[in-house]
């Protein structure tokens, strides 16, 4: 089984372009991996590889559909060569790099990942923040960086101070309290984002909300995902902000999801998407719906 895993892991333990030619999607959730069949064409998806059992499911499906894929037999070398060819073709459409950005408010630089379209100028810049148990790796793992870049956007995901690859950087505020708005302004300046779309789940609300209220002119749009600190601001502050906002949360997130919605709905220019069957990190529970929702919203900004 280990040999199969080595053959199928392409980058960062992720599988790309799984059966995209014959419209079969493997959807990974935190609990299980399941097959969903679509009657229409899919370009590509990413699947985090959590265990050998995930890969075994891919191999079994490959053998069943090998004829459709143009492979005449389910031999390991043929399947591997076919998959590598497909994944290389799909990955070539996106350029993913890593780097660090200096922020005046932090003693140490912050780590970031960037995905760019293979050709042409990006339509918009999207900055992805994260929750306390996560990092930019999660956006890479579920395919959000790839999905955004393939759609023509510049996607930037940072590791917030004290977390991920930015552990050495001291946070400018204690968890649960709004950070100075200057922090995200310095991040955006350092990364040359220009007018930016900010995706802000959970913990990152302590950074994104002050930025929203004090530097709204630098925001192209705001996508909060059950962020913290929404109760730290008054209703009139929300009503004064005209930034297009897409509020996303999982219907199983009956605490922070609903609390944040009650405050965020005071933003006058907002839409709400409730992801069915999803919890607090709804994007992890259903990456396919997540990507569809955000890409449709971003298209309205063009």
C-alpha atoms as a PDB file:
ATOM      1  CA  UNK A   1       0.000   0.000   0.000  1.00  0.00           C
ATOM      2  CA  UNK A   2       2.879   2.382   0.694  1.00  0.00           C
ATOM      3  CA  UNK A   3       3.984   2.094  -2.923  1.00  0.00           C
ATOM      4  CA  UNK A   4       0.572   3.192  -4.096  1.00  0.00           C
ATOM      5  CA  UNK A   5       0.623   6.179  -1.751  1.00  0.00           C
ATOM      6  CA  UNK A   6       3.994   7.315  -3.063  1.00  0.00           C
ATOM      7  CA  UNK A   7       2.733   7.015  -6.609  1.00  0.00           C
ATOM      8  CA  UNK A   8      -0.372   9.053  -6.050  1.00  0.00           C
ATOM      9  CA  UNK A   9       0.810  11.863  -3.772  1.00  0.00           C
ATOM     10  CA  UNK A  10       1.775  14.719  -6.050  1.00  0.00           C
ATOM     11  CA  UNK A  11       2.407  17.699  -3.793  1.00  0.00           C
ATOM     12  CA  UNK A  12       1.870  18.394  -0.114  1.00  0.00           C
ATOM     13  CA  UNK A  13      -0.068  15.138   0.204  1.00  0.00           C
ATOM     14  CA  UNK A  14      -2.778  16.316  -2.180  1.00  0.00           C
ATOM     15  CA  UNK A  15      -4.257  14.668  -5.245  1.00  0.00           C
ATOM     16  CA  UNK A  16      -5.062  16.911  -8.194  1.00  0.00           C
ATOM     17  CA  UNK A  17      -7.413  16.557 -11.141  1.00  0.00           C
ATOM     18  CA  UNK A  18      -8.999  13.311 -10.037  1.00  0.00           C
ATOM     19  CA  UNK A  19     -11.006  11.902 -12.936  1.00  0.00           C
ATOM     20  CA  UNK A  20     -11.775  15.364 -14.212  1.00  0.00           C
ATOM     21  CA  UNK A  21     -12.152  14.010 -17.751  1.00  0.00           C
ATOM     22  CA  UNK A  22     -15.045  11.768 -16.852  1.00  0.00           C
ATOM     23  CA  UNK A  23     -16.801  13.937 -14.293  1.00  0.00           C
ATOM     24  CA  UNK A  24     -16.280  11.973 -11.113  1.00  0.00           C
ATOM     25  CA  UNK A  25     -15.465  13.910  -7.964  1.00  0.00           C
ATOM     26  CA  UNK A  26     -13.913  12.560  -4.808  1.00  0.00           C
ATOM     27  CA  UNK A  27     -15.020  14.694  -1.891  1.00  0.00           C
ATOM     28  CA  UNK A  28     -13.104  14.415   1.372  1.00  0.00           C
ATOM     29  CA  UNK A  29     -14.667  15.404   4.667  1.00  0.00           C
ATOM     30  CA  UNK A  30     -13.151  15.198   8.116  1.00  0.00           C
ATOM     31  CA  UNK A  31     -15.151  12.043   8.818  1.00  0.00           C
ATOM     32  CA  UNK A  32     -15.031  10.099   5.574  1.00  0.00           C
ATOM     33  CA  UNK A  33     -14.302  10.077   1.882  1.00  0.00           C
ATOM     34  CA  UNK A  34     -17.269   9.614  -0.415  1.00  0.00           C
ATOM     35  CA  UNK A  35     -17.959   9.455  -4.138  1.00  0.00           C
ATOM     36  CA  UNK A  36     -20.262  11.954  -5.789  1.00  0.00           C
ATOM     37  CA  UNK A  37     -21.161  11.599  -9.462  1.00  0.00           C
ATOM     38  CA  UNK A  38     -21.917  14.674 -11.531  1.00  0.00           C
ATOM     39  CA  UNK A  39     -23.639  14.642 -14.926  1.00  0.00           C
ATOM     40  CA  UNK A  40     -21.585  17.605 -16.073  1.00  0.00           C
ATOM     41  CA  UNK A  41     -17.915  18.317 -16.705  1.00  0.00           C
ATOM     42  CA  UNK A  42     -15.607  19.187 -13.835  1.00  0.00           C
ATOM     43  CA  UNK A  43     -12.277  20.890 -14.413  1.00  0.00           C
ATOM     44  CA  UNK A  44     -10.387  19.700 -11.351  1.00  0.00           C
ATOM     45  CA  UNK A  45     -10.540  19.289  -7.603  1.00  0.00           C
ATOM     46  CA  UNK A  46      -8.086  18.739  -4.776  1.00  0.00           C
ATOM     47  CA  UNK A  47      -8.345  15.955  -2.239  1.00  0.00           C
ATOM     48  CA  UNK A  48      -6.330  16.008   1.006  1.00  0.00           C
ATOM     49  CA  UNK A  49      -4.825  12.561   1.594  1.00  0.00           C
ATOM     50  CA  UNK A  50      -5.532  11.711   5.211  1.00  0.00           C
ATOM     51  CA  UNK A  51      -4.695   7.995   5.246  1.00  0.00           C
ATOM     52  CA  UNK A  52      -3.839   5.004   3.120  1.00  0.00           C
ATOM     53  CA  UNK A  53      -7.546   4.128   2.981  1.00  0.00           C
ATOM     54  CA  UNK A  54      -8.217   7.350   1.071  1.00  0.00           C
ATOM     55  CA  UNK A  55      -5.703   6.388  -1.569  1.00  0.00           C
ATOM     56  CA  UNK A  56      -6.990   2.821  -1.783  1.00  0.00           C
ATOM     57  CA  UNK A  57     -10.385   4.210  -2.707  1.00  0.00           C
ATOM     58  CA  UNK A  58      -8.816   6.193  -5.514  1.00  0.00           C
ATOM     59  CA  UNK A  59      -6.954   3.165  -6.820  1.00  0.00           C
ATOM     60  CA  UNK A  60     -10.065   0.980  -6.815  1.00  0.00           C
ATOM     61  CA  UNK A  61     -12.026   3.621  -8.679  1.00  0.00           C
ATOM     62  CA  UNK A  62      -9.197   4.017 -11.179  1.00  0.00           C
ATOM     63  CA  UNK A  63      -9.314   0.331 -12.001  1.00  0.00           C
ATOM     64  CA  UNK A  64     -13.080   0.437 -12.481  1.00  0.00           C
ATOM     65  CA  UNK A  65     -12.906   3.427 -14.805  1.00  0.00           C
ATOM     66  CA  UNK A  66      -9.553   2.754 -16.448  1.00  0.00           C
ATOM     67  CA  UNK A  67     -11.170   2.088 -19.835  1.00  0.00           C
ATOM     68  CA  UNK A  68     -12.904   5.479 -19.723  1.00  0.00           C
ATOM     69  CA  UNK A  69      -9.627   7.142 -18.842  1.00  0.00           C
ATOM     70  CA  UNK A  70      -7.929   5.655 -21.864  1.00  0.00           C
ATOM     71  CA  UNK A  71      -5.935   3.119 -19.845  1.00  0.00           C
ATOM     72  CA  UNK A  72      -6.241  -0.374 -21.264  1.00  0.00           C
ATOM     73  CA  UNK A  73      -5.337  -2.213 -18.071  1.00  0.00           C
ATOM     74  CA  UNK A  74      -5.237  -1.410 -14.345  1.00  0.00           C
ATOM     75  CA  UNK A  75      -1.494  -2.030 -14.010  1.00  0.00           C
ATOM     76  CA  UNK A  76       0.141   0.250 -11.455  1.00  0.00           C
ATOM     77  CA  UNK A  77       2.674   1.773 -13.861  1.00  0.00           C
ATOM     78  CA  UNK A  78       0.058   2.660 -16.472  1.00  0.00           C
ATOM     79  CA  UNK A  79      -2.292   4.211 -13.929  1.00  0.00           C
ATOM     80  CA  UNK A  80       0.552   6.125 -12.353  1.00  0.00           C
ATOM     81  CA  UNK A  81       1.792   7.451 -15.722  1.00  0.00           C
ATOM     82  CA  UNK A  82      -1.727   8.513 -16.711  1.00  0.00           C
ATOM     83  CA  UNK A  83      -2.372  10.245 -13.399  1.00  0.00           C
ATOM     84  CA  UNK A  84       0.979  12.036 -13.425  1.00  0.00           C
ATOM     85  CA  UNK A  85       0.293  13.317 -16.935  1.00  0.00           C
ATOM     86  CA  UNK A  86      -3.137  14.622 -15.948  1.00  0.00           C
ATOM     87  CA  UNK A  87      -1.968  16.190 -12.686  1.00  0.00           C
ATOM     88  CA  UNK A  88       1.060  17.836 -14.307  1.00  0.00           C
ATOM     89  CA  UNK A  89      -1.186  19.363 -16.956  1.00  0.00           C
ATOM     90  CA  UNK A  90      -3.579  20.731 -14.338  1.00  0.00           C
ATOM     91  CA  UNK A  91      -0.894  21.962 -11.948  1.00  0.00           C
ATOM     92  CA  UNK A  92       0.872  23.859 -14.723  1.00  0.00           C
ATOM     93  CA  UNK A  93      -2.098  26.247 -14.849  1.00  0.00           C
ATOM     94  CA  UNK A  94      -1.290  27.644 -11.389  1.00  0.00           C
ATOM     95  CA  UNK A  95       1.925  29.025  -9.919  1.00  0.00           C
ATOM     96  CA  UNK A  96       2.211  28.492  -6.152  1.00  0.00           C
ATOM     97  CA  UNK A  97       5.040  30.094  -4.206  1.00  0.00           C
ATOM     98  CA  UNK A  98       5.952  30.657  -0.568  1.00  0.00           C
ATOM     99  CA  UNK A  99       7.518  33.665   1.086  1.00  0.00           C
ATOM    100  CA  UNK A 100       7.669  35.927   4.092  1.00  0.00           C
ATOM    101  CA  UNK A 101       6.463  39.476   4.560  1.00  0.00           C
ATOM    102  CA  UNK A 102       7.714  41.993   7.108  1.00  0.00           C
ATOM    103  CA  UNK A 103       5.060  43.763   9.143  1.00  0.00           C
ATOM    104  CA  UNK A 104       6.026  46.734  11.280  1.00  0.00           C
ATOM    105  CA  UNK A 105       3.823  45.660  14.181  1.00  0.00           C
ATOM    106  CA  UNK A 106       5.515  42.248  14.446  1.00  0.00           C
ATOM    107  CA  UNK A 107       9.092  41.591  15.499  1.00  0.00           C
ATOM    108  CA  UNK A 108       9.306  38.644  13.078  1.00  0.00           C
ATOM    109  CA  UNK A 109       8.139  38.291   9.497  1.00  0.00           C
ATOM    110  CA  UNK A 110       4.953  36.417   8.561  1.00  0.00           C
ATOM    111  CA  UNK A 111       4.814  33.365   6.311  1.00  0.00           C
ATOM    112  CA  UNK A 112       2.539  33.361   3.280  1.00  0.00           C
ATOM    113  CA  UNK A 113       1.570  31.236   0.294  1.00  0.00           C
ATOM    114  CA  UNK A 114       0.639  32.735  -3.041  1.00  0.00           C
ATOM    115  CA  UNK A 115      -1.121  31.273  -6.085  1.00  0.00           C
ATOM    116  CA  UNK A 116      -1.164  33.095  -9.406  1.00  0.00           C
ATOM    117  CA  UNK A 117      -2.900  32.396 -12.715  1.00  0.00           C
ATOM    118  CA  UNK A 118      -0.573  30.969 -15.345  1.00  0.00           C
ATOM    119  CA  UNK A 119      -1.255  33.829 -17.761  1.00  0.00           C
ATOM    120  CA  UNK A 120      -2.629  37.342 -17.751  1.00  0.00           C
ATOM    121  CA  UNK A 121      -3.124  39.864 -14.998  1.00  0.00           C
ATOM    122  CA  UNK A 122      -5.134  38.666 -11.969  1.00  0.00           C
ATOM    123  CA  UNK A 123      -8.694  39.958 -11.866  1.00  0.00           C
ATOM    124  CA  UNK A 124      -8.589  40.634  -8.112  1.00  0.00           C
ATOM    125  CA  UNK A 125      -6.453  39.877  -5.079  1.00  0.00           C
ATOM    126  CA  UNK A 126      -7.944  37.593  -2.414  1.00  0.00           C
ATOM    127  CA  UNK A 127      -6.358  37.434   1.049  1.00  0.00           C
ATOM    128  CA  UNK A 128      -7.219  34.303   3.057  1.00  0.00           C
ATOM    129  CA  UNK A 129      -6.876  34.382   6.845  1.00  0.00           C
ATOM    130  CA  UNK A 130      -7.477  31.419   9.177  1.00  0.00           C
ATOM    131  CA  UNK A 131      -8.719  30.174  12.535  1.00  0.00           C
ATOM    132  CA  UNK A 132      -6.760  29.354  15.685  1.00  0.00           C
ATOM    133  CA  UNK A 133      -6.262  25.663  14.901  1.00  0.00           C
ATOM    134  CA  UNK A 134      -5.382  26.256  11.258  1.00  0.00           C
ATOM    135  CA  UNK A 135      -2.923  27.973   8.925  1.00  0.00           C
ATOM    136  CA  UNK A 136      -2.391  28.754   5.252  1.00  0.00           C
ATOM    137  CA  UNK A 137      -1.735  25.036   4.784  1.00  0.00           C
ATOM    138  CA  UNK A 138      -5.466  24.370   5.118  1.00  0.00           C
ATOM    139  CA  UNK A 139      -6.303  26.628   2.174  1.00  0.00           C
ATOM    140  CA  UNK A 140      -3.651  24.834   0.173  1.00  0.00           C
ATOM    141  CA  UNK A 141      -4.881  21.430   1.313  1.00  0.00           C
ATOM    142  CA  UNK A 142      -8.535  21.857   0.346  1.00  0.00           C
ATOM    143  CA  UNK A 143      -7.632  23.463  -2.964  1.00  0.00           C
ATOM    144  CA  UNK A 144      -8.794  27.035  -2.332  1.00  0.00           C
ATOM    145  CA  UNK A 145      -5.550  28.598  -3.545  1.00  0.00           C
ATOM    146  CA  UNK A 146      -5.692  26.530  -6.713  1.00  0.00           C
ATOM    147  CA  UNK A 147      -9.404  27.196  -7.291  1.00  0.00           C
ATOM    148  CA  UNK A 148      -8.951  30.955  -6.978  1.00  0.00           C
ATOM    149  CA  UNK A 149      -5.864  31.110  -9.199  1.00  0.00           C
ATOM    150  CA  UNK A 150      -7.436  28.870 -11.836  1.00  0.00           C
ATOM    151  CA  UNK A 151     -10.377  31.292 -11.902  1.00  0.00           C
ATOM    152  CA  UNK A 152      -7.975  34.172 -12.594  1.00  0.00           C
ATOM    153  CA  UNK A 153      -7.448  35.621  -9.115  1.00  0.00           C
ATOM    154  CA  UNK A 154      -4.308  36.290  -7.122  1.00  0.00           C
ATOM    155  CA  UNK A 155      -4.703  34.239  -3.940  1.00  0.00           C
ATOM    156  CA  UNK A 156      -2.650  35.032  -0.835  1.00  0.00           C
ATOM    157  CA  UNK A 157      -2.870  33.027   2.395  1.00  0.00           C
ATOM    158  CA  UNK A 158      -0.874  34.163   5.407  1.00  0.00           C
ATOM    159  CA  UNK A 159      -0.047  32.428   8.669  1.00  0.00           C
ATOM    160  CA  UNK A 160      -1.211  34.779  11.390  1.00  0.00           C
ATOM    161  CA  UNK A 161       1.180  35.808  14.193  1.00  0.00           C
ATOM    162  CA  UNK A 162       1.949  33.018  16.651  1.00  0.00           C
ATOM    163  CA  UNK A 163       0.478  30.327  14.394  1.00  0.00           C
ATOM    164  CA  UNK A 164       1.646  28.001  11.620  1.00  0.00           C
ATOM    165  CA  UNK A 165       4.969  29.083  10.107  1.00  0.00           C
ATOM    166  CA  UNK A 166       4.601  32.478  11.816  1.00  0.00           C
ATOM    167  CA  UNK A 167       4.936  31.096  15.357  1.00  0.00           C
ATOM    168  CA  UNK A 168       7.910  33.337  16.102  1.00  0.00           C
ATOM    169  CA  UNK A 169       5.900  36.494  15.445  1.00  0.00           C
ATOM    170  CA  UNK A 170       4.161  37.956  18.464  1.00  0.00           C
ATOM    171  CA  UNK A 171       0.472  38.764  17.986  1.00  0.00           C
ATOM    172  CA  UNK A 172      -0.397  42.475  18.275  1.00  0.00           C
ATOM    173  CA  UNK A 173      -3.366  41.677  20.541  1.00  0.00           C
ATOM    174  CA  UNK A 174      -4.520  38.914  22.860  1.00  0.00           C
ATOM    175  CA  UNK A 175      -6.881  36.337  21.403  1.00  0.00           C
ATOM    176  CA  UNK A 176     -10.473  37.509  21.588  1.00  0.00           C
ATOM    177  CA  UNK A 177      -9.671  41.216  21.495  1.00  0.00           C
ATOM    178  CA  UNK A 178      -9.672  43.346  18.337  1.00  0.00           C
ATOM    179  CA  UNK A 179      -6.158  43.920  16.982  1.00  0.00           C
ATOM    180  CA  UNK A 180      -5.076  47.309  15.669  1.00  0.00           C
ATOM    181  CA  UNK A 181      -6.462  47.895  12.177  1.00  0.00           C
ATOM    182  CA  UNK A 182      -2.968  48.939  11.180  1.00  0.00           C
ATOM    183  CA  UNK A 183      -1.855  45.292  11.297  1.00  0.00           C
ATOM    184  CA  UNK A 184      -3.788  44.130   8.231  1.00  0.00           C
ATOM    185  CA  UNK A 185      -3.081  47.421   6.480  1.00  0.00           C
ATOM    186  CA  UNK A 186       0.642  46.722   6.869  1.00  0.00           C
ATOM    187  CA  UNK A 187       0.151  43.155   5.646  1.00  0.00           C
ATOM    188  CA  UNK A 188      -1.664  44.380   2.540  1.00  0.00           C
ATOM    189  CA  UNK A 189       0.945  47.079   1.896  1.00  0.00           C
ATOM    190  CA  UNK A 190       3.764  44.566   2.317  1.00  0.00           C
ATOM    191  CA  UNK A 191       2.148  42.168  -0.144  1.00  0.00           C
ATOM    192  CA  UNK A 192       1.089  44.913  -2.571  1.00  0.00           C
ATOM    193  CA  UNK A 193      -2.469  43.640  -2.674  1.00  0.00           C
ATOM    194  CA  UNK A 194      -4.168  46.815  -3.798  1.00  0.00           C
ATOM    195  CA  UNK A 195      -7.939  46.745  -3.143  1.00  0.00           C
ATOM    196  CA  UNK A 196      -8.364  43.316  -1.588  1.00  0.00           C
ATOM    197  CA  UNK A 197     -11.035  40.727  -0.869  1.00  0.00           C
ATOM    198  CA  UNK A 198     -10.542  39.390   2.667  1.00  0.00           C
ATOM    199  CA  UNK A 199     -11.728  35.902   3.630  1.00  0.00           C
ATOM    200  CA  UNK A 200     -11.891  35.769   7.409  1.00  0.00           C
ATOM    201  CA  UNK A 201     -12.861  32.679   9.422  1.00  0.00           C
ATOM    202  CA  UNK A 202     -13.162  32.429  13.184  1.00  0.00           C
ATOM    203  CA  UNK A 203     -10.103  33.777  15.082  1.00  0.00           C
ATOM    204  CA  UNK A 204      -9.119  36.043  12.200  1.00  0.00           C
ATOM    205  CA  UNK A 205     -12.131  38.251  12.937  1.00  0.00           C
ATOM    206  CA  UNK A 206      -9.983  39.982  15.552  1.00  0.00           C
ATOM    207  CA  UNK A 207      -7.843  41.227  12.649  1.00  0.00           C
ATOM    208  CA  UNK A 208     -10.338  41.640   9.817  1.00  0.00           C
ATOM    209  CA  UNK A 209     -13.103  43.520  11.598  1.00  0.00           C
ATOM    210  CA  UNK A 210     -10.960  46.485  12.755  1.00  0.00           C
ATOM    211  CA  UNK A 211      -9.567  46.636   9.203  1.00  0.00           C
ATOM    212  CA  UNK A 212     -13.105  46.632   7.802  1.00  0.00           C
ATOM    213  CA  UNK A 213     -14.218  49.518   9.994  1.00  0.00           C
ATOM    214  CA  UNK A 214     -11.103  51.693   9.757  1.00  0.00           C
ATOM    215  CA  UNK A 215      -9.785  50.959   6.258  1.00  0.00           C
ATOM    216  CA  UNK A 216     -12.868  50.006   4.272  1.00  0.00           C
ATOM    217  CA  UNK A 217     -11.520  51.925   1.278  1.00  0.00           C
ATOM    218  CA  UNK A 218      -8.847  49.230   0.927  1.00  0.00           C
ATOM    219  CA  UNK A 219     -11.411  46.418   0.828  1.00  0.00           C
ATOM    220  CA  UNK A 220     -12.926  45.280  -2.446  1.00  0.00           C
ATOM    221  CA  UNK A 221     -15.142  42.833  -0.543  1.00  0.00           C
ATOM    222  CA  UNK A 222     -15.368  40.955   2.746  1.00  0.00           C
ATOM    223  CA  UNK A 223     -16.141  37.256   3.271  1.00  0.00           C
ATOM    224  CA  UNK A 224     -16.514  36.511   7.003  1.00  0.00           C
ATOM    225  CA  UNK A 225     -16.934  32.878   8.049  1.00  0.00           C
ATOM    226  CA  UNK A 226     -18.249  32.889  11.626  1.00  0.00           C
ATOM    227  CA  UNK A 227     -15.554  35.302  12.849  1.00  0.00           C
ATOM    228  CA  UNK A 228     -14.925  36.185  16.479  1.00  0.00           C
ATOM    229  CA  UNK A 229     -15.162  39.726  17.884  1.00  0.00           C
ATOM    230  CA  UNK A 230     -18.340  40.708  16.022  1.00  0.00           C
ATOM    231  CA  UNK A 231     -19.863  41.635  19.394  1.00  0.00           C
ATOM    232  CA  UNK A 232     -17.070  44.150  20.041  1.00  0.00           C
ATOM    233  CA  UNK A 233     -18.581  46.673  17.634  1.00  0.00           C
ATOM    234  CA  UNK A 234     -21.829  48.628  17.604  1.00  0.00           C
ATOM    235  CA  UNK A 235     -24.662  48.243  15.127  1.00  0.00           C
ATOM    236  CA  UNK A 236     -24.131  51.768  13.824  1.00  0.00           C
ATOM    237  CA  UNK A 237     -20.515  50.935  13.000  1.00  0.00           C
ATOM    238  CA  UNK A 238     -21.693  48.057  10.839  1.00  0.00           C
ATOM    239  CA  UNK A 239     -24.357  50.171   9.144  1.00  0.00           C
ATOM    240  CA  UNK A 240     -21.769  52.752   8.104  1.00  0.00           C
ATOM    241  CA  UNK A 241     -19.779  50.243   6.009  1.00  0.00           C
ATOM    242  CA  UNK A 242     -20.741  49.826   2.341  1.00  0.00           C
ATOM    243  CA  UNK A 243     -18.234  47.073   1.451  1.00  0.00           C
ATOM    244  CA  UNK A 244     -19.864  44.146  -0.429  1.00  0.00           C
ATOM    245  CA  UNK A 245     -20.011  41.287   2.061  1.00  0.00           C
ATOM    246  CA  UNK A 246     -20.707  37.572   1.747  1.00  0.00           C
ATOM    247  CA  UNK A 247     -21.540  36.063   5.140  1.00  0.00           C
ATOM    248  CA  UNK A 248     -20.895  32.307   5.161  1.00  0.00           C
ATOM    249  CA  UNK A 249     -21.450  29.823   7.969  1.00  0.00           C
ATOM    250  CA  UNK A 250     -22.430  26.199   8.523  1.00  0.00           C
ATOM    251  CA  UNK A 251     -25.923  25.347   9.705  1.00  0.00           C
ATOM    252  CA  UNK A 252     -24.399  23.101  12.394  1.00  0.00           C
ATOM    253  CA  UNK A 253     -22.476  26.043  13.852  1.00  0.00           C
ATOM    254  CA  UNK A 254     -25.208  27.071  16.254  1.00  0.00           C
ATOM    255  CA  UNK A 255     -22.922  29.138  18.476  1.00  0.00           C
ATOM    256  CA  UNK A 256     -20.391  31.409  16.806  1.00  0.00           C
ATOM    257  CA  UNK A 257     -22.028  31.052  13.400  1.00  0.00           C
ATOM    258  CA  UNK A 258     -25.356  32.407  14.601  1.00  0.00           C
ATOM    259  CA  UNK A 259     -23.871  34.980  17.005  1.00  0.00           C
ATOM    260  CA  UNK A 260     -21.677  36.455  14.266  1.00  0.00           C
ATOM    261  CA  UNK A 261     -24.576  36.484  11.794  1.00  0.00           C
ATOM    262  CA  UNK A 262     -26.718  38.532  14.185  1.00  0.00           C
ATOM    263  CA  UNK A 263     -24.059  41.239  14.173  1.00  0.00           C
ATOM    264  CA  UNK A 264     -22.790  40.995  10.609  1.00  0.00           C
ATOM    265  CA  UNK A 265     -26.285  41.279   9.136  1.00  0.00           C
ATOM    266  CA  UNK A 266     -26.169  44.950  10.141  1.00  0.00           C
ATOM    267  CA  UNK A 267     -23.782  45.479   7.224  1.00  0.00           C
ATOM    268  CA  UNK A 268     -26.070  47.068   4.609  1.00  0.00           C
ATOM    269  CA  UNK A 269     -24.498  45.478   1.505  1.00  0.00           C
ATOM    270  CA  UNK A 270     -24.489  41.790   2.445  1.00  0.00           C
ATOM    271  CA  UNK A 271     -25.573  38.360   1.284  1.00  0.00           C
ATOM    272  CA  UNK A 272     -25.835  35.252   3.469  1.00  0.00           C
ATOM    273  CA  UNK A 273     -24.977  31.677   2.512  1.00  0.00           C
ATOM    274  CA  UNK A 274     -25.749  28.896   4.994  1.00  0.00           C
ATOM    275  CA  UNK A 275     -23.835  25.718   4.149  1.00  0.00           C
ATOM    276  CA  UNK A 276     -26.021  22.718   4.903  1.00  0.00           C
ATOM    277  CA  UNK A 277     -24.595  19.957   7.079  1.00  0.00           C
ATOM    278  CA  UNK A 278     -21.430  21.954   7.781  1.00  0.00           C
ATOM    279  CA  UNK A 279     -19.989  22.986  11.113  1.00  0.00           C
ATOM    280  CA  UNK A 280     -17.788  25.861  12.262  1.00  0.00           C
ATOM    281  CA  UNK A 281     -15.016  25.269   9.656  1.00  0.00           C
ATOM    282  CA  UNK A 282     -17.666  24.861   6.951  1.00  0.00           C
ATOM    283  CA  UNK A 283     -15.097  25.199   4.166  1.00  0.00           C
ATOM    284  CA  UNK A 284     -13.389  22.028   5.426  1.00  0.00           C
ATOM    285  CA  UNK A 285     -16.649  20.128   5.691  1.00  0.00           C
ATOM    286  CA  UNK A 286     -17.698  20.894   2.128  1.00  0.00           C
ATOM    287  CA  UNK A 287     -14.887  22.367  -0.012  1.00  0.00           C
ATOM    288  CA  UNK A 288     -16.846  21.900  -3.241  1.00  0.00           C
ATOM    289  CA  UNK A 289     -19.768  24.068  -2.132  1.00  0.00           C
ATOM    290  CA  UNK A 290     -17.356  26.514  -0.520  1.00  0.00           C
ATOM    291  CA  UNK A 291     -15.461  27.081  -3.767  1.00  0.00           C
ATOM    292  CA  UNK A 292     -18.652  27.392  -5.792  1.00  0.00           C
ATOM    293  CA  UNK A 293     -20.047  29.983  -3.388  1.00  0.00           C
ATOM    294  CA  UNK A 294     -16.980  32.214  -3.213  1.00  0.00           C
ATOM    295  CA  UNK A 295     -16.257  32.069  -6.939  1.00  0.00           C
ATOM    296  CA  UNK A 296     -19.822  33.064  -7.769  1.00  0.00           C
ATOM    297  CA  UNK A 297     -19.584  35.988  -5.349  1.00  0.00           C
ATOM    298  CA  UNK A 298     -16.203  37.134  -6.682  1.00  0.00           C
ATOM    299  CA  UNK A 299     -17.603  37.124 -10.213  1.00  0.00           C
ATOM    300  CA  UNK A 300     -20.197  39.712  -9.155  1.00  0.00           C
ATOM    301  CA  UNK A 301     -17.367  42.096  -8.200  1.00  0.00           C
ATOM    302  CA  UNK A 302     -15.834  42.232 -11.672  1.00  0.00           C
END
